[in-house]
């Protein structure tokens, strides 16, 4: 092989290798769907007033500022997320996130950052939309609250329990309400014996697309010692609301 032909042969190999590397570095972008944004993204001056069904006290949640939209990296994906700041005694934020492609479908999640549940998480999934038309999906999200050397995971498993029409609460009636049950574990290492009881802690979310959360029921262990269980159930139901989209 002549010198010139050898030079072009080597250049060809380099270019092929470079193209292969660029292909491996390709990142897919997933954005939240327009449908999801219409159903879940609320603007400043939206509010919801809830009644504690046990005590009768009222808790108000207001959106007082603009949402923050951006993309985060996850493996080979750039995923859109939207953080909505709220002023509330129940929630510290609303968080929307797009999931990467899994099992031939994608999902968009609306998470509620509840106080006194987690201390580093974005929130618990309260409403999930999928590209297909099935209604019994299950899934999960997790957050590493520690470091890679000393991981402390906070994990949620969610199940779509069904949909209701004509859902009534405190004199309000909603055309459609989706029921999602989220089971969660506490921020301890995966080998902690505390996780044995994880499936006992659940939140039932009743979400009306375009209107917001209309009811939620929290079943939780209130003891700080995993050897001594102290179960309690709390629930809140919507009294009045105003949404701005």
Protein backbone atom coordinates (compact mmCIF):
# COMPACT_ATOMS: atom_id res chain seq x y z
CA UNK A 1 0.00 0.00 0.00
CA UNK A 2 1.38 3.40 -1.03
CA UNK A 3 2.11 6.16 1.42
CA UNK A 4 -0.81 8.30 0.25
CA UNK A 5 -3.27 5.41 0.35
CA UNK A 6 -2.01 4.41 3.80
CA UNK A 7 -2.52 7.99 5.03
CA UNK A 8 -6.14 8.06 3.86
CA UNK A 9 -6.75 4.59 5.31
CA UNK A 10 -5.54 5.70 8.74
CA UNK A 11 -7.56 8.92 8.54
CA UNK A 12 -10.65 6.85 7.71
CA UNK A 13 -10.16 4.65 10.78
CA UNK A 14 -9.78 7.71 12.99
CA UNK A 15 -12.95 9.29 11.59
CA UNK A 16 -14.95 6.09 12.05
CA UNK A 17 -13.74 5.84 15.64
CA UNK A 18 -14.56 9.47 16.28
CA UNK A 19 -18.05 9.03 14.84
CA UNK A 20 -18.56 5.99 17.08
CA UNK A 21 -17.56 7.98 20.15
CA UNK A 22 -19.89 10.81 19.22
CA UNK A 23 -22.73 8.32 18.76
CA UNK A 24 -22.10 6.88 22.23
CA UNK A 25 -22.15 10.38 23.68
CA UNK A 26 -25.54 11.16 22.11
CA UNK A 27 -27.99 12.35 24.73
CA UNK A 28 -31.77 12.06 24.31
CA UNK A 29 -33.91 14.92 25.55
CA UNK A 30 -37.29 14.32 27.21
CA UNK A 31 -39.65 17.22 27.80
CA UNK A 32 -42.85 17.29 29.81
CA UNK A 33 -45.85 16.86 27.53
CA UNK A 34 -48.18 19.76 26.75
CA UNK A 35 -51.05 17.73 28.19
CA UNK A 36 -49.22 17.28 31.47
CA UNK A 37 -48.36 20.97 31.72
CA UNK A 38 -52.00 21.90 31.14
CA UNK A 39 -53.13 19.54 33.89
CA UNK A 40 -50.42 20.16 36.48
CA UNK A 41 -48.53 23.44 36.10
CA UNK A 42 -50.20 26.18 38.12
CA UNK A 43 -49.15 29.82 38.16
CA UNK A 44 -48.71 32.55 40.73
CA UNK A 45 -51.87 33.46 42.73
CA UNK A 46 -53.22 29.91 42.62
CA UNK A 47 -54.27 28.63 46.04
CA UNK A 48 -55.88 25.65 47.79
CA UNK A 49 -57.43 25.57 51.27
CA UNK A 50 -57.52 22.16 52.97
CA UNK A 51 -59.31 20.93 56.07
CA UNK A 52 -57.58 18.58 58.45
CA UNK A 53 -60.28 15.90 58.70
CA UNK A 54 -59.26 14.98 62.26
CA UNK A 55 -58.89 18.40 63.87
CA UNK A 56 -61.02 20.58 61.59
CA UNK A 57 -58.19 23.11 61.27
CA UNK A 58 -57.41 24.71 57.91
CA UNK A 59 -54.14 24.67 55.98
CA UNK A 60 -53.62 26.96 53.00
CA UNK A 61 -51.24 26.48 50.08
CA UNK A 62 -50.36 29.45 47.84
CA UNK A 63 -48.17 29.78 44.78
CA UNK A 64 -46.35 33.02 45.43
CA UNK A 65 -43.70 33.04 42.70
CA UNK A 66 -42.75 31.86 39.24
CA UNK A 67 -41.87 28.27 38.47
CA UNK A 68 -38.32 27.29 37.53
CA UNK A 69 -37.95 25.15 34.41
CA UNK A 70 -34.74 23.39 33.39
CA UNK A 71 -33.20 20.08 32.35
CA UNK A 72 -31.29 17.63 34.53
CA UNK A 73 -29.02 14.84 33.30
CA UNK A 74 -29.77 11.19 34.03
CA UNK A 75 -27.61 8.57 32.30
CA UNK A 76 -28.15 9.14 28.57
CA UNK A 77 -31.03 11.59 28.99
CA UNK A 78 -31.69 15.25 29.56
CA UNK A 79 -34.97 15.40 31.50
CA UNK A 80 -37.15 18.47 31.89
CA UNK A 81 -38.24 19.43 35.38
CA UNK A 82 -40.31 22.28 36.77
CA UNK A 83 -40.07 23.44 40.38
CA UNK A 84 -42.97 25.48 41.70
CA UNK A 85 -42.38 27.30 45.01
CA UNK A 86 -45.31 27.35 47.42
CA UNK A 87 -46.13 28.96 50.74
CA UNK A 88 -47.80 26.28 52.83
CA UNK A 89 -47.79 24.45 56.15
CA UNK A 90 -48.26 21.15 54.26
CA UNK A 91 -45.96 21.36 51.22
CA UNK A 92 -42.56 22.89 50.63
CA UNK A 93 -42.82 22.72 46.82
CA UNK A 94 -44.50 21.18 43.78
CA UNK A 95 -42.09 19.34 41.49
CA UNK A 96 -42.78 18.06 37.97
CA UNK A 97 -40.37 15.75 36.16
CA UNK A 98 -40.13 13.82 32.91
CA UNK A 99 -38.95 10.23 33.14
CA UNK A 100 -36.60 8.54 30.65
CA UNK A 101 -37.88 5.88 28.29
CA UNK A 102 -38.58 2.64 30.18
CA UNK A 103 -40.23 -0.52 28.89
CA UNK A 104 -41.29 1.23 25.67
CA UNK A 105 -43.24 3.98 27.45
CA UNK A 106 -42.54 7.32 29.08
CA UNK A 107 -44.14 9.02 32.07
CA UNK A 108 -44.50 12.51 33.51
CA UNK A 109 -44.72 12.84 37.29
CA UNK A 110 -46.19 15.50 39.55
CA UNK A 111 -44.62 15.28 43.00
CA UNK A 112 -45.74 16.93 46.23
CA UNK A 113 -42.96 17.91 48.61
CA UNK A 114 -44.62 17.17 51.94
CA UNK A 115 -43.21 18.49 55.19
CA UNK A 116 -42.20 15.97 57.89
CA UNK A 117 -41.81 13.13 55.37
CA UNK A 118 -38.39 13.53 53.80
CA UNK A 119 -35.58 15.94 54.38
CA UNK A 120 -33.83 16.04 51.01
CA UNK A 121 -36.34 14.74 48.47
CA UNK A 122 -38.16 16.54 45.68
CA UNK A 123 -41.48 15.02 46.73
CA UNK A 124 -43.82 12.04 46.58
CA UNK A 125 -45.56 11.18 43.28
CA UNK A 126 -49.19 12.22 43.51
CA UNK A 127 -50.17 12.17 39.84
CA UNK A 128 -48.55 10.34 36.90
CA UNK A 129 -49.39 10.43 33.21
CA UNK A 130 -48.27 7.84 30.66
CA UNK A 131 -48.24 7.83 26.87
CA UNK A 132 -50.41 4.72 26.64
CA UNK A 133 -54.04 4.38 27.72
CA UNK A 134 -53.62 1.76 30.45
CA UNK A 135 -54.68 2.70 33.98
CA UNK A 136 -52.85 0.30 36.30
CA UNK A 137 -49.22 1.36 36.02
CA UNK A 138 -46.71 0.96 38.81
CA UNK A 139 -43.37 2.69 39.09
CA UNK A 140 -40.90 4.25 41.44
CA UNK A 141 -38.50 7.11 42.03
CA UNK A 142 -35.61 7.35 44.44
CA UNK A 143 -33.33 10.00 45.86
CA UNK A 144 -29.88 9.59 47.36
CA UNK A 145 -29.91 11.78 50.44
CA UNK A 146 -26.31 10.99 51.36
CA UNK A 147 -23.16 10.31 49.38
CA UNK A 148 -21.98 7.46 47.16
CA UNK A 149 -19.77 6.31 50.03
CA UNK A 150 -22.58 6.48 52.57
CA UNK A 151 -25.85 6.33 50.62
CA UNK A 152 -29.13 7.10 52.34
CA UNK A 153 -31.98 6.38 49.98
CA UNK A 154 -35.48 7.77 50.03
CA UNK A 155 -37.61 5.62 47.75
CA UNK A 156 -41.21 5.88 46.53
CA UNK A 157 -43.28 3.19 44.81
CA UNK A 158 -46.49 4.39 43.15
CA UNK A 159 -49.53 2.56 41.81
CA UNK A 160 -52.42 3.95 39.80
CA UNK A 161 -55.47 2.78 41.72
CA UNK A 162 -58.15 4.13 39.38
CA UNK A 163 -60.20 7.12 38.28
CA UNK A 164 -63.47 8.59 39.52
CA UNK A 165 -66.05 10.85 37.90
CA UNK A 166 -68.34 13.07 39.92
CA UNK A 167 -65.93 12.99 42.89
CA UNK A 168 -67.44 15.04 45.75
CA UNK A 169 -65.56 16.57 48.68
CA UNK A 170 -66.86 19.29 51.05
CA UNK A 171 -69.56 20.34 48.58
CA UNK A 172 -67.14 20.51 45.63
CA UNK A 173 -67.68 18.12 42.71
CA UNK A 174 -64.96 17.24 40.18
CA UNK A 175 -65.56 15.65 36.78
CA UNK A 176 -62.42 13.53 37.06
CA UNK A 177 -60.16 12.52 39.92
CA UNK A 178 -57.20 10.12 39.66
CA UNK A 179 -56.28 8.00 42.68
CA UNK A 180 -52.58 7.21 43.14
CA UNK A 181 -51.18 5.28 46.10
CA UNK A 182 -47.55 5.97 46.96
CA UNK A 183 -45.59 3.73 49.30
CA UNK A 184 -42.38 5.14 50.72
CA UNK A 185 -39.38 4.26 52.83
CA UNK A 186 -37.28 6.43 55.07
CA UNK A 187 -33.81 7.87 54.45
CA UNK A 188 -31.67 5.06 55.82
CA UNK A 189 -29.19 2.73 54.19
CA UNK A 190 -30.67 -0.15 52.16
CA UNK A 191 -29.52 -2.60 54.83
CA UNK A 192 -31.26 -0.86 57.71
CA UNK A 193 -33.81 -3.08 59.51
CA UNK A 194 -36.08 -0.03 59.49
CA UNK A 195 -36.90 -0.78 55.86
CA UNK A 196 -38.61 -4.04 56.81
CA UNK A 197 -41.71 -2.00 57.65
CA UNK A 198 -41.51 0.32 54.67
CA UNK A 199 -44.62 -1.02 52.93
CA UNK A 200 -46.77 0.13 55.86
CA UNK A 201 -46.22 3.81 55.10
CA UNK A 202 -48.46 5.11 52.30
CA UNK A 203 -49.98 8.28 50.91
CA UNK A 204 -53.21 8.19 48.93
CA UNK A 205 -53.42 11.12 46.49
CA UNK A 206 -56.70 12.18 44.86
CA UNK A 207 -55.77 14.57 42.06
CA UNK A 208 -58.10 16.40 39.68
CA UNK A 209 -56.28 17.30 36.43
CA UNK A 210 -56.32 21.05 35.94
CA UNK A 211 -57.62 21.68 39.47
CA UNK A 212 -55.00 20.16 41.76
CA UNK A 213 -54.96 17.89 44.77
CA UNK A 214 -58.45 17.48 46.25
CA UNK A 215 -57.73 14.96 49.02
CA UNK A 216 -54.81 13.05 50.48
CA UNK A 217 -54.51 10.45 53.22
CA UNK A 218 -51.23 9.82 55.00
CA UNK A 219 -50.60 6.57 56.91
CA UNK A 220 -47.27 6.74 58.66
CA UNK A 221 -45.19 5.44 61.53
CA UNK A 222 -44.65 8.37 63.88
CA UNK A 223 -42.03 6.64 66.02
CA UNK A 224 -38.36 7.53 65.56
CA UNK A 225 -37.34 4.07 66.80
CA UNK A 226 -37.85 1.30 64.22
CA UNK A 227 -38.19 -1.29 67.00
CA UNK A 228 -41.34 0.37 68.35
CA UNK A 229 -44.14 1.04 65.88
CA UNK A 230 -46.63 3.83 66.39
CA UNK A 231 -49.06 4.04 63.51
CA UNK A 232 -51.21 7.08 62.71
CA UNK A 233 -53.52 8.18 59.89
CA UNK A 234 -53.95 11.79 58.81
CA UNK A 235 -56.12 13.16 56.02
CA UNK A 236 -56.83 16.52 54.42
CA UNK A 237 -59.69 17.43 52.06
CA UNK A 238 -60.14 20.47 49.84
CA UNK A 239 -62.48 23.26 51.01
CA UNK A 240 -61.93 25.90 48.31
CA UNK A 241 -59.41 26.73 45.61
CA UNK A 242 -58.44 28.99 42.76
CA UNK A 243 -56.15 27.94 39.90
CA UNK A 244 -54.29 30.19 37.48
CA UNK A 245 -52.78 28.52 34.40
